[in-house]
Amino acid sequence: MLERVTEPSRLGEQTTFSAGLQKMKKTEIGKRGLSQILLLVACLLTGNAAAQGDARRGEYLVKAAGCVGCHTEAKEGAVPFAGGRALKTPFGTFYGPNITPHPQAGIGGWTEADFLRALREGVRPDGANLFPAFPYPSFTKITDADARDMWAYLRSLPPSAQANREHDLWFFFGWRWLVTIWKWIYFTPGAFQNLPGVSQIVNRGAYLVQALGHCGECHTPRNLLGGPKSNRFLGGGKGPDGKKVPNLTPTRLKKSSDAELKDFLTTGIYSDGDVPAESMGEVITNTTSKLTAPDLDALIAYLRALPPLPEEK
């Protein structure tokens, strides 16, 4: 006669299996939770690094912006970015300031927000106007990401205690409050906007020329108040120092091939063996020769796309 068996051992096995399954689920949930936490931490770290900027990339951007030329004294053994460079203009002589992270002599006491405001609005941390000898009418177009990377690089420089020199300007041209009026007339703040109907390469070139490279600051002629003649953008004429600067529109550039232009912007020697003026030679040494090949191509493509302007008489 067969007996009905309740199999308590199997019930125990089922209970043990169920408990094990629940434990596995908790472990899996724990692992998943840990993975999510690690992912969140990674995102926070990445976001924090992005917010702080990439100094290595910033070095390239600072070269593209030509900062070392205006912020390094023109003498043997001068400390890069420690200021003292003279810029002679019809309004007097401006001296590039120390932009190393020294807390007193440089911009070590600035915040990133101060730096962005200087680029965007042309004002100092104390709210006073910066003179437009600092090319914020162009730098206002620099993207936030690029500006942060530039800031990160400048913060990585060795600090220099070299004191800044006072500008030597004619009479009321040294009154910073007057710059407010100049800004109302000639300054349009705002980020770079892509040009409609052109390629991505041309737009990259436009950004390099208009924003980072601030080419228009020297290659666009100015009126008696120092305001750029917008209808002569990059059309050449007299530069800030009163010397003639070349026309960058196709009127002049059509005489050279892309290869010749790239060679000139890299070596500083024209195809006929001639060399440019000292100021442009310095721009080539410090800036255009440091650009990547794609950026040089983009720069030239943009200049080719400009409307041709006649030479200024």
C-alpha atoms as a PDB file:
ATOM      1  CA  MET A   1       0.000   0.000   0.000  1.00  0.00           C
ATOM      2  CA  LEU A   2       1.443   3.297  -1.085  1.00  0.00           C
ATOM      3  CA  GLU A   3       1.617   6.085   1.479  1.00  0.00           C
ATOM      4  CA  ARG A   4       1.014   9.785   0.668  1.00  0.00           C
ATOM      5  CA  VAL A   5       4.281  11.560   1.347  1.00  0.00           C
ATOM      6  CA  THR A   6       4.473  15.368   2.012  1.00  0.00           C
ATOM      7  CA  GLU A   7       8.243  15.370   1.270  1.00  0.00           C
ATOM      8  CA  PRO A   8       9.355  17.835   3.910  1.00  0.00           C
ATOM      9  CA  SER A   9      12.903  17.695   2.508  1.00  0.00           C
ATOM     10  CA  ARG A  10      11.686  19.034  -0.847  1.00  0.00           C
ATOM     11  CA  LEU A  11       9.741  21.796   0.893  1.00  0.00           C
ATOM     12  CA  GLY A  12      12.950  22.750   2.625  1.00  0.00           C
ATOM     13  CA  GLU A  13      14.765  22.764  -0.704  1.00  0.00           C
ATOM     14  CA  GLN A  14      12.067  24.999  -2.229  1.00  0.00           C
ATOM     15  CA  THR A  15      12.316  27.403   0.712  1.00  0.00           C
ATOM     16  CA  THR A  16      16.085  27.492   0.395  1.00  0.00           C
ATOM     17  CA  PHE A  17      15.861  27.999  -3.385  1.00  0.00           C
ATOM     18  CA  SER A  18      13.320  30.832  -2.951  1.00  0.00           C
ATOM     19  CA  ALA A  19      15.514  32.532  -0.386  1.00  0.00           C
ATOM     20  CA  GLY A  20      18.505  32.145  -2.701  1.00  0.00           C
ATOM     21  CA  LEU A  21      16.558  33.578  -5.600  1.00  0.00           C
ATOM     22  CA  GLN A  22      15.559  36.603  -3.555  1.00  0.00           C
ATOM     23  CA  LYS A  23      19.163  37.036  -2.469  1.00  0.00           C
ATOM     24  CA  MET A  24      20.288  36.893  -6.089  1.00  0.00           C
ATOM     25  CA  LYS A  25      17.698  39.482  -7.027  1.00  0.00           C
ATOM     26  CA  LYS A  26      18.855  41.764  -4.220  1.00  0.00           C
ATOM     27  CA  THR A  27      22.446  41.241  -5.282  1.00  0.00           C
ATOM     28  CA  GLU A  28      21.535  42.017  -8.890  1.00  0.00           C
ATOM     29  CA  ILE A  29      19.623  45.104  -7.795  1.00  0.00           C
ATOM     30  CA  GLY A  30      22.591  46.067  -5.656  1.00  0.00           C
ATOM     31  CA  LYS A  31      24.958  45.669  -8.583  1.00  0.00           C
ATOM     32  CA  ARG A  32      22.639  47.630 -10.830  1.00  0.00           C
ATOM     33  CA  GLY A  33      22.344  50.349  -8.217  1.00  0.00           C
ATOM     34  CA  LEU A  34      26.112  50.440  -7.810  1.00  0.00           C
ATOM     35  CA  SER A  35      26.524  50.680 -11.589  1.00  0.00           C
ATOM     36  CA  GLN A  36      24.073  53.575 -11.699  1.00  0.00           C
ATOM     37  CA  ILE A  37      25.891  55.329  -8.863  1.00  0.00           C
ATOM     38  CA  LEU A  38      29.240  54.852 -10.601  1.00  0.00           C
ATOM     39  CA  LEU A  39      27.753  56.141 -13.853  1.00  0.00           C
ATOM     40  CA  LEU A  40      26.363  59.182 -12.044  1.00  0.00           C
ATOM     41  CA  VAL A  41      29.737  59.886 -10.427  1.00  0.00           C
ATOM     42  CA  ALA A  42      31.458  59.558 -13.830  1.00  0.00           C
ATOM     43  CA  CYS A  43      28.966  61.982 -15.372  1.00  0.00           C
ATOM     44  CA  LEU A  44      29.500  64.449 -12.537  1.00  0.00           C
ATOM     45  CA  LEU A  45      33.265  64.206 -12.882  1.00  0.00           C
ATOM     46  CA  THR A  46      33.042  64.613 -16.645  1.00  0.00           C
ATOM     47  CA  GLY A  47      30.708  67.557 -16.296  1.00  0.00           C
ATOM     48  CA  ASN A  48      32.970  69.143 -13.706  1.00  0.00           C
ATOM     49  CA  ALA A  49      36.004  68.702 -15.972  1.00  0.00           C
ATOM     50  CA  ALA A  50      34.096  70.218 -18.886  1.00  0.00           C
ATOM     51  CA  ALA A  51      33.030  73.148 -16.709  1.00  0.00           C
ATOM     52  CA  GLN A  52      36.651  73.707 -15.672  1.00  0.00           C
ATOM     53  CA  GLY A  53      37.879  73.659 -19.262  1.00  0.00           C
ATOM     54  CA  ASP A  54      40.547  71.755 -21.154  1.00  0.00           C
ATOM     55  CA  ALA A  55      43.891  73.524 -20.772  1.00  0.00           C
ATOM     56  CA  ARG A  56      45.532  71.527 -23.555  1.00  0.00           C
ATOM     57  CA  ARG A  57      42.846  72.512 -26.031  1.00  0.00           C
ATOM     58  CA  GLY A  58      42.941  76.016 -24.603  1.00  0.00           C
ATOM     59  CA  GLU A  59      46.609  76.326 -25.520  1.00  0.00           C
ATOM     60  CA  TYR A  60      45.724  75.834 -29.174  1.00  0.00           C
ATOM     61  CA  LEU A  61      42.887  78.365 -28.952  1.00  0.00           C
ATOM     62  CA  VAL A  62      45.096  80.952 -27.251  1.00  0.00           C
ATOM     63  CA  LYS A  63      47.563  80.557 -30.126  1.00  0.00           C
ATOM     64  CA  ALA A  64      44.727  80.917 -32.652  1.00  0.00           C
ATOM     65  CA  ALA A  65      43.705  84.109 -30.840  1.00  0.00           C
ATOM     66  CA  GLY A  66      47.237  85.528 -30.978  1.00  0.00           C
ATOM     67  CA  CYS A  67      47.263  86.392 -27.268  1.00  0.00           C
ATOM     68  CA  VAL A  68      51.013  86.056 -26.812  1.00  0.00           C
ATOM     69  CA  GLY A  69      51.708  88.815 -29.345  1.00  0.00           C
ATOM     70  CA  CYS A  70      49.856  91.567 -27.484  1.00  0.00           C
ATOM     71  CA  HIS A  71      50.630  90.334 -23.973  1.00  0.00           C
ATOM     72  CA  THR A  72      54.392  89.780 -24.244  1.00  0.00           C
ATOM     73  CA  GLU A  73      56.932  92.580 -24.224  1.00  0.00           C
ATOM     74  CA  ALA A  74      58.920  92.958 -27.436  1.00  0.00           C
ATOM     75  CA  LYS A  75      62.368  92.299 -26.040  1.00  0.00           C
ATOM     76  CA  GLU A  76      64.811  89.435 -25.658  1.00  0.00           C
ATOM     77  CA  GLY A  77      63.958  87.133 -22.783  1.00  0.00           C
ATOM     78  CA  ALA A  78      60.521  88.613 -22.146  1.00  0.00           C
ATOM     79  CA  VAL A  79      58.183  86.439 -20.083  1.00  0.00           C
ATOM     80  CA  PRO A  80      55.299  85.222 -22.272  1.00  0.00           C
ATOM     81  CA  PHE A  81      51.907  86.668 -21.347  1.00  0.00           C
ATOM     82  CA  ALA A  82      53.428  88.919 -18.645  1.00  0.00           C
ATOM     83  CA  GLY A  83      52.392  92.093 -20.480  1.00  0.00           C
ATOM     84  CA  GLY A  84      54.235  95.248 -21.439  1.00  0.00           C
ATOM     85  CA  ARG A  85      53.771  95.117 -25.207  1.00  0.00           C
ATOM     86  CA  ALA A  86      53.222  98.590 -26.709  1.00  0.00           C
ATOM     87  CA  LEU A  87      50.514  99.239 -29.303  1.00  0.00           C
ATOM     88  CA  LYS A  88      50.812 102.671 -30.868  1.00  0.00           C
ATOM     89  CA  THR A  89      47.563 104.180 -32.157  1.00  0.00           C
ATOM     90  CA  PRO A  90      46.272 107.635 -33.134  1.00  0.00           C
ATOM     91  CA  PHE A  91      44.890 107.890 -29.571  1.00  0.00           C
ATOM     92  CA  GLY A  92      48.165 107.171 -27.808  1.00  0.00           C
ATOM     93  CA  THR A  93      50.018 104.061 -26.759  1.00  0.00           C
ATOM     94  CA  PHE A  94      48.324 101.077 -25.131  1.00  0.00           C
ATOM     95  CA  TYR A  95      50.280  98.477 -23.192  1.00  0.00           C
ATOM     96  CA  GLY A  96      49.151  94.863 -23.100  1.00  0.00           C
ATOM     97  CA  PRO A  97      48.507  93.746 -19.508  1.00  0.00           C
ATOM     98  CA  ASN A  98      49.897  90.792 -17.597  1.00  0.00           C
ATOM     99  CA  ILE A  99      47.500  87.851 -18.066  1.00  0.00           C
ATOM    100  CA  THR A 100      49.416  85.246 -16.073  1.00  0.00           C
ATOM    101  CA  PRO A 101      47.679  83.911 -12.936  1.00  0.00           C
ATOM    102  CA  HIS A 102      49.647  86.144 -10.573  1.00  0.00           C
ATOM    103  CA  PRO A 103      47.142  87.296  -7.905  1.00  0.00           C
ATOM    104  CA  GLN A 104      48.217  90.956  -7.937  1.00  0.00           C
ATOM    105  CA  ALA A 105      50.128  91.680 -11.145  1.00  0.00           C
ATOM    106  CA  GLY A 106      48.098  89.353 -13.388  1.00  0.00           C
ATOM    107  CA  ILE A 107      44.596  87.933 -13.534  1.00  0.00           C
ATOM    108  CA  GLY A 108      45.019  85.462 -10.683  1.00  0.00           C
ATOM    109  CA  GLY A 109      42.370  87.329  -8.719  1.00  0.00           C
ATOM    110  CA  TRP A 110      39.840  86.994 -11.532  1.00  0.00           C
ATOM    111  CA  THR A 111      37.130  84.388 -11.679  1.00  0.00           C
ATOM    112  CA  GLU A 112      36.130  82.534 -14.805  1.00  0.00           C
ATOM    113  CA  ALA A 113      33.017  84.724 -14.878  1.00  0.00           C
ATOM    114  CA  ASP A 114      35.240  87.825 -14.857  1.00  0.00           C
ATOM    115  CA  PHE A 115      37.192  86.457 -17.806  1.00  0.00           C
ATOM    116  CA  LEU A 116      34.047  85.627 -19.769  1.00  0.00           C
ATOM    117  CA  ARG A 117      32.627  89.077 -19.076  1.00  0.00           C
ATOM    118  CA  ALA A 118      35.820  90.714 -20.332  1.00  0.00           C
ATOM    119  CA  LEU A 119      35.514  88.768 -23.602  1.00  0.00           C
ATOM    120  CA  ARG A 120      31.745  89.156 -23.905  1.00  0.00           C
ATOM    121  CA  GLU A 121      31.156  92.704 -22.705  1.00  0.00           C
ATOM    122  CA  GLY A 122      34.537  94.426 -22.620  1.00  0.00           C
ATOM    123  CA  VAL A 123      34.521  95.207 -18.906  1.00  0.00           C
ATOM    124  CA  ARG A 124      36.950  94.646 -16.048  1.00  0.00           C
ATOM    125  CA  PRO A 125      36.034  92.809 -12.838  1.00  0.00           C
ATOM    126  CA  ASP A 126      35.415  96.181 -11.163  1.00  0.00           C
ATOM    127  CA  GLY A 127      32.881  97.072 -13.873  1.00  0.00           C
ATOM    128  CA  ALA A 128      35.030  99.658 -15.677  1.00  0.00           C
ATOM    129  CA  ASN A 129      35.203  99.576 -19.456  1.00  0.00           C
ATOM    130  CA  LEU A 130      38.112  97.921 -21.196  1.00  0.00           C
ATOM    131  CA  PHE A 131      39.523  99.937 -24.074  1.00  0.00           C
ATOM    132  CA  PRO A 132      38.755  98.365 -27.468  1.00  0.00           C
ATOM    133  CA  ALA A 133      42.497  97.995 -28.055  1.00  0.00           C
ATOM    134  CA  PHE A 134      41.601  94.702 -26.383  1.00  0.00           C
ATOM    135  CA  PRO A 135      39.626  93.128 -29.258  1.00  0.00           C
ATOM    136  CA  TYR A 136      36.450  92.231 -27.388  1.00  0.00           C
ATOM    137  CA  PRO A 137      34.337  93.374 -30.372  1.00  0.00           C
ATOM    138  CA  SER A 138      35.687  90.173 -31.962  1.00  0.00           C
ATOM    139  CA  PHE A 139      36.196  88.037 -28.852  1.00  0.00           C
ATOM    140  CA  THR A 140      32.543  88.482 -27.888  1.00  0.00           C
ATOM    141  CA  LYS A 141      31.849  85.869 -30.582  1.00  0.00           C
ATOM    142  CA  ILE A 142      34.007  83.171 -28.969  1.00  0.00           C
ATOM    143  CA  THR A 143      31.929  80.201 -27.815  1.00  0.00           C
ATOM    144  CA  ASP A 144      31.538  79.435 -24.115  1.00  0.00           C
ATOM    145  CA  ALA A 145      33.395  76.122 -24.486  1.00  0.00           C
ATOM    146  CA  ASP A 146      36.356  77.755 -26.222  1.00  0.00           C
ATOM    147  CA  ALA A 147      36.469  80.607 -23.696  1.00  0.00           C
ATOM    148  CA  ARG A 148      36.532  78.153 -20.779  1.00  0.00           C
ATOM    149  CA  ASP A 149      39.339  76.177 -22.378  1.00  0.00           C
ATOM    150  CA  MET A 150      41.319  79.371 -22.939  1.00  0.00           C
ATOM    151  CA  TRP A 151      40.761  80.331 -19.300  1.00  0.00           C
ATOM    152  CA  ALA A 152      41.944  76.895 -18.179  1.00  0.00           C
ATOM    153  CA  TYR A 153      45.162  77.312 -20.166  1.00  0.00           C
ATOM    154  CA  LEU A 154      45.857  80.818 -18.876  1.00  0.00           C
ATOM    155  CA  ARG A 155      45.356  79.542 -15.330  1.00  0.00           C
ATOM    156  CA  SER A 156      47.982  76.864 -15.973  1.00  0.00           C
ATOM    157  CA  LEU A 157      50.715  79.392 -16.842  1.00  0.00           C
ATOM    158  CA  PRO A 158      53.489  80.173 -14.367  1.00  0.00           C
ATOM    159  CA  PRO A 159      52.576  83.420 -12.563  1.00  0.00           C
ATOM    160  CA  SER A 160      54.700  86.482 -13.242  1.00  0.00           C
ATOM    161  CA  ALA A 161      54.962  89.441 -10.883  1.00  0.00           C
ATOM    162  CA  GLN A 162      55.787  91.839 -13.721  1.00  0.00           C
ATOM    163  CA  ALA A 163      53.818  95.027 -13.092  1.00  0.00           C
ATOM    164  CA  ASN A 164      51.483  96.433 -15.705  1.00  0.00           C
ATOM    165  CA  ARG A 165      52.293  99.688 -17.456  1.00  0.00           C
ATOM    166  CA  GLU A 166      49.798 102.511 -17.549  1.00  0.00           C
ATOM    167  CA  HIS A 167      48.480 103.419 -20.993  1.00  0.00           C
ATOM    168  CA  ASP A 168      49.908 106.629 -22.413  1.00  0.00           C
ATOM    169  CA  LEU A 169      46.863 108.179 -24.097  1.00  0.00           C
ATOM    170  CA  TRP A 170      46.042 111.630 -25.378  1.00  0.00           C
ATOM    171  CA  PHE A 171      43.959 113.755 -22.993  1.00  0.00           C
ATOM    172  CA  PHE A 172      40.349 112.503 -22.693  1.00  0.00           C
ATOM    173  CA  PHE A 173      40.964 109.286 -24.658  1.00  0.00           C
ATOM    174  CA  GLY A 174      42.011 107.811 -21.314  1.00  0.00           C
ATOM    175  CA  TRP A 175      38.559 108.358 -19.788  1.00  0.00           C
ATOM    176  CA  ARG A 176      37.036 104.898 -19.627  1.00  0.00           C
ATOM    177  CA  TRP A 177      33.469 106.135 -19.253  1.00  0.00           C
ATOM    178  CA  LEU A 178      33.676 107.545 -22.769  1.00  0.00           C
ATOM    179  CA  VAL A 179      34.083 103.991 -24.050  1.00  0.00           C
ATOM    180  CA  THR A 180      30.436 103.431 -23.096  1.00  0.00           C
ATOM    181  CA  ILE A 181      29.438 105.851 -25.865  1.00  0.00           C
ATOM    182  CA  TRP A 182      31.823 104.136 -28.280  1.00  0.00           C
ATOM    183  CA  LYS A 183      30.207 100.804 -27.428  1.00  0.00           C
ATOM    184  CA  TRP A 184      26.718 102.142 -28.086  1.00  0.00           C
ATOM    185  CA  ILE A 185      27.803 103.057 -31.602  1.00  0.00           C
ATOM    186  CA  TYR A 186      30.243 100.343 -32.626  1.00  0.00           C
ATOM    187  CA  PHE A 187      30.018  97.329 -30.311  1.00  0.00           C
ATOM    188  CA  THR A 188      27.531  94.489 -30.844  1.00  0.00           C
ATOM    189  CA  PRO A 189      27.941  91.783 -28.203  1.00  0.00           C
ATOM    190  CA  GLY A 190      26.904  88.230 -28.925  1.00  0.00           C
ATOM    191  CA  ALA A 191      28.128  84.770 -29.836  1.00  0.00           C
ATOM    192  CA  PHE A 192      29.156  83.841 -33.360  1.00  0.00           C
ATOM    193  CA  GLN A 193      26.277  82.904 -35.650  1.00  0.00           C
ATOM    194  CA  ASN A 194      26.782  80.531 -38.551  1.00  0.00           C
ATOM    195  CA  LEU A 195      26.531  82.134 -41.960  1.00  0.00           C
ATOM    196  CA  PRO A 196      23.516  80.915 -43.917  1.00  0.00           C
ATOM    197  CA  GLY A 197      23.910  79.066 -47.171  1.00  0.00           C
ATOM    198  CA  VAL A 198      27.598  78.179 -46.826  1.00  0.00           C
ATOM    199  CA  SER A 199      29.467  75.001 -45.968  1.00  0.00           C
ATOM    200  CA  GLN A 200      30.592  73.917 -42.524  1.00  0.00           C
ATOM    201  CA  ILE A 201      34.189  74.532 -43.596  1.00  0.00           C
ATOM    202  CA  VAL A 202      33.440  78.135 -44.552  1.00  0.00           C
ATOM    203  CA  ASN A 203      31.647  78.683 -41.247  1.00  0.00           C
ATOM    204  CA  ARG A 204      34.626  77.302 -39.368  1.00  0.00           C
ATOM    205  CA  GLY A 205      36.809  79.736 -41.256  1.00  0.00           C
ATOM    206  CA  ALA A 206      34.419  82.580 -40.471  1.00  0.00           C
ATOM    207  CA  TYR A 207      34.651  81.754 -36.777  1.00  0.00           C
ATOM    208  CA  LEU A 208      38.449  81.670 -36.906  1.00  0.00           C
ATOM    209  CA  VAL A 209      38.641  85.001 -38.749  1.00  0.00           C
ATOM    210  CA  GLN A 210      35.828  86.897 -37.044  1.00  0.00           C
ATOM    211  CA  ALA A 211      36.143  85.617 -33.480  1.00  0.00           C
ATOM    212  CA  LEU A 212      39.378  83.905 -32.445  1.00  0.00           C
ATOM    213  CA  GLY A 213      41.735  85.431 -35.005  1.00  0.00           C
ATOM    214  CA  HIS A 214      40.058  88.872 -34.779  1.00  0.00           C
ATOM    215  CA  CYS A 215      41.506  89.656 -38.209  1.00  0.00           C
ATOM    216  CA  GLY A 216      39.077  92.512 -38.741  1.00  0.00           C
ATOM    217  CA  GLU A 217      40.634  94.498 -35.916  1.00  0.00           C
ATOM    218  CA  CYS A 218      43.632  95.270 -38.126  1.00  0.00           C
ATOM    219  CA  HIS A 219      42.396  94.552 -41.654  1.00  0.00           C
ATOM    220  CA  THR A 220      39.231  96.675 -41.467  1.00  0.00           C
ATOM    221  CA  PRO A 221      39.876 100.428 -41.753  1.00  0.00           C
ATOM    222  CA  ARG A 222      38.588 102.735 -39.008  1.00  0.00           C
ATOM    223  CA  ASN A 223      37.137 106.215 -38.791  1.00  0.00           C
ATOM    224  CA  LEU A 224      38.338 109.123 -36.660  1.00  0.00           C
ATOM    225  CA  LEU A 225      36.672 107.704 -33.553  1.00  0.00           C
ATOM    226  CA  GLY A 226      38.363 104.336 -33.977  1.00  0.00           C
ATOM    227  CA  GLY A 227      35.158 102.687 -35.125  1.00  0.00           C
ATOM    228  CA  PRO A 228      35.468 100.020 -37.847  1.00  0.00           C
ATOM    229  CA  LYS A 229      34.013 100.870 -41.247  1.00  0.00           C
ATOM    230  CA  SER A 230      31.554  97.979 -41.519  1.00  0.00           C
ATOM    231  CA  ASN A 231      31.205  98.363 -45.286  1.00  0.00           C
ATOM    232  CA  ARG A 232      34.960  97.786 -45.602  1.00  0.00           C
ATOM    233  CA  PHE A 233      35.204  94.612 -43.504  1.00  0.00           C
ATOM    234  CA  LEU A 234      38.629  93.036 -44.157  1.00  0.00           C
ATOM    235  CA  GLY A 235      39.082  95.429 -47.064  1.00  0.00           C
ATOM    236  CA  GLY A 236      42.449  96.699 -45.861  1.00  0.00           C
ATOM    237  CA  GLY A 237      43.707 100.234 -45.490  1.00  0.00           C
ATOM    238  CA  LYS A 238      45.405 101.846 -42.521  1.00  0.00           C
ATOM    239  CA  GLY A 239      45.894  99.678 -39.461  1.00  0.00           C
ATOM    240  CA  PRO A 240      45.743 100.777 -35.796  1.00  0.00           C
ATOM    241  CA  ASP A 241      49.368 101.926 -36.011  1.00  0.00           C
ATOM    242  CA  GLY A 242      48.669 104.026 -39.098  1.00  0.00           C
ATOM    243  CA  LYS A 243      50.519 101.662 -41.414  1.00  0.00           C
ATOM    244  CA  LYS A 244      48.887 100.134 -44.476  1.00  0.00           C
ATOM    245  CA  VAL A 245      47.448  96.642 -44.071  1.00  0.00           C
ATOM    246  CA  PRO A 246      46.423  94.435 -47.000  1.00  0.00           C
ATOM    247  CA  ASN A 247      42.999  93.720 -48.403  1.00  0.00           C
ATOM    248  CA  LEU A 248      41.938  90.174 -47.430  1.00  0.00           C
ATOM    249  CA  THR A 249      38.997  89.887 -49.798  1.00  0.00           C
ATOM    250  CA  PRO A 250      39.195  88.006 -53.143  1.00  0.00           C
ATOM    251  CA  THR A 251      40.200  91.251 -54.865  1.00  0.00           C
ATOM    252  CA  ARG A 252      43.726  90.637 -53.666  1.00  0.00           C
ATOM    253  CA  LEU A 253      43.702  86.968 -52.743  1.00  0.00           C
ATOM    254  CA  LYS A 254      42.661  85.837 -56.224  1.00  0.00           C
ATOM    255  CA  LYS A 255      46.247  86.437 -57.280  1.00  0.00           C
ATOM    256  CA  SER A 256      47.397  83.515 -55.119  1.00  0.00           C
ATOM    257  CA  SER A 257      46.463  79.834 -55.092  1.00  0.00           C
ATOM    258  CA  ASP A 258      45.314  78.056 -51.953  1.00  0.00           C
ATOM    259  CA  ALA A 259      48.666  76.285 -51.758  1.00  0.00           C
ATOM    260  CA  GLU A 260      50.533  79.599 -51.982  1.00  0.00           C
ATOM    261  CA  LEU A 261      48.354  81.150 -49.281  1.00  0.00           C
ATOM    262  CA  LYS A 262      48.847  78.166 -46.979  1.00  0.00           C
ATOM    263  CA  ASP A 263      52.577  78.297 -47.541  1.00  0.00           C
ATOM    264  CA  PHE A 264      52.634  82.025 -46.778  1.00  0.00           C
ATOM    265  CA  LEU A 265      50.558  81.634 -43.595  1.00  0.00           C
ATOM    266  CA  THR A 266      52.864  78.842 -42.472  1.00  0.00           C
ATOM    267  CA  THR A 267      56.325  80.134 -43.420  1.00  0.00           C
ATOM    268  CA  GLY A 268      55.842  83.890 -43.690  1.00  0.00           C
ATOM    269  CA  ILE A 269      57.328  84.015 -47.178  1.00  0.00           C
ATOM    270  CA  TYR A 270      55.459  85.038 -50.315  1.00  0.00           C
ATOM    271  CA  SER A 271      55.718  82.936 -53.458  1.00  0.00           C
ATOM    272  CA  ASP A 272      58.077  85.540 -54.955  1.00  0.00           C
ATOM    273  CA  GLY A 273      60.382  85.325 -51.939  1.00  0.00           C
ATOM    274  CA  ASP A 274      59.245  88.586 -50.332  1.00  0.00           C
ATOM    275  CA  VAL A 275      58.253  88.813 -46.652  1.00  0.00           C
ATOM    276  CA  PRO A 276      55.363  90.671 -44.975  1.00  0.00           C
ATOM    277  CA  ALA A 277      55.546  93.624 -42.612  1.00  0.00           C
ATOM    278  CA  GLU A 278      56.886  92.916 -39.138  1.00  0.00           C
ATOM    279  CA  SER A 279      53.449  92.893 -37.495  1.00  0.00           C
ATOM    280  CA  MET A 280      52.052  90.314 -39.919  1.00  0.00           C
ATOM    281  CA  GLY A 281      55.234  88.300 -39.685  1.00  0.00           C
ATOM    282  CA  GLU A 282      54.657  88.045 -35.951  1.00  0.00           C
ATOM    283  CA  VAL A 283      51.055  86.963 -36.503  1.00  0.00           C
ATOM    284  CA  ILE A 284      52.310  84.180 -38.760  1.00  0.00           C
ATOM    285  CA  THR A 285      54.958  83.083 -36.255  1.00  0.00           C
ATOM    286  CA  ASN A 286      52.630  83.097 -33.254  1.00  0.00           C
ATOM    287  CA  THR A 287      49.287  82.225 -34.795  1.00  0.00           C
ATOM    288  CA  THR A 288      48.651  81.079 -38.358  1.00  0.00           C
ATOM    289  CA  SER A 289      51.681  78.789 -38.455  1.00  0.00           C
ATOM    290  CA  LYS A 290      50.265  77.025 -35.384  1.00  0.00           C
ATOM    291  CA  LEU A 291      46.883  76.284 -36.944  1.00  0.00           C
ATOM    292  CA  THR A 292      46.018  72.757 -38.015  1.00  0.00           C
ATOM    293  CA  ALA A 293      45.820  72.038 -41.729  1.00  0.00           C
ATOM    294  CA  PRO A 294      41.989  71.770 -41.649  1.00  0.00           C
ATOM    295  CA  ASP A 295      41.724  75.124 -39.865  1.00  0.00           C
ATOM    296  CA  LEU A 296      44.034  76.759 -42.417  1.00  0.00           C
ATOM    297  CA  ASP A 297      41.881  75.331 -45.201  1.00  0.00           C
ATOM    298  CA  ALA A 298      38.762  76.678 -43.503  1.00  0.00           C
ATOM    299  CA  LEU A 299      40.290  80.124 -43.017  1.00  0.00           C
ATOM    300  CA  ILE A 300      41.217  80.376 -46.689  1.00  0.00           C
ATOM    301  CA  ALA A 301      37.822  79.028 -47.795  1.00  0.00           C
ATOM    302  CA  TYR A 302      36.087  81.776 -45.817  1.00  0.00           C
ATOM    303  CA  LEU A 303      38.288  84.534 -47.219  1.00  0.00           C
ATOM    304  CA  ARG A 304      37.578  83.214 -50.724  1.00  0.00           C
ATOM    305  CA  ALA A 305      33.837  83.446 -49.991  1.00  0.00           C
ATOM    306  CA  LEU A 306      33.940  87.120 -49.012  1.00  0.00           C
ATOM    307  CA  PRO A 307      32.535  89.753 -51.372  1.00  0.00           C
ATOM    308  CA  PRO A 308      35.450  91.387 -53.208  1.00  0.00           C
ATOM    309  CA  LEU A 309      36.184  94.934 -52.101  1.00  0.00           C
ATOM    310  CA  PRO A 310      38.287  97.435 -54.041  1.00  0.00           C
ATOM    311  CA  GLU A 311      41.548  98.626 -52.591  1.00  0.00           C
ATOM    312  CA  GLU A 312      41.173 101.691 -50.369  1.00  0.00           C
ATOM    313  CA  LYS A 313      42.517 104.833 -51.994  1.00  0.00           C
END
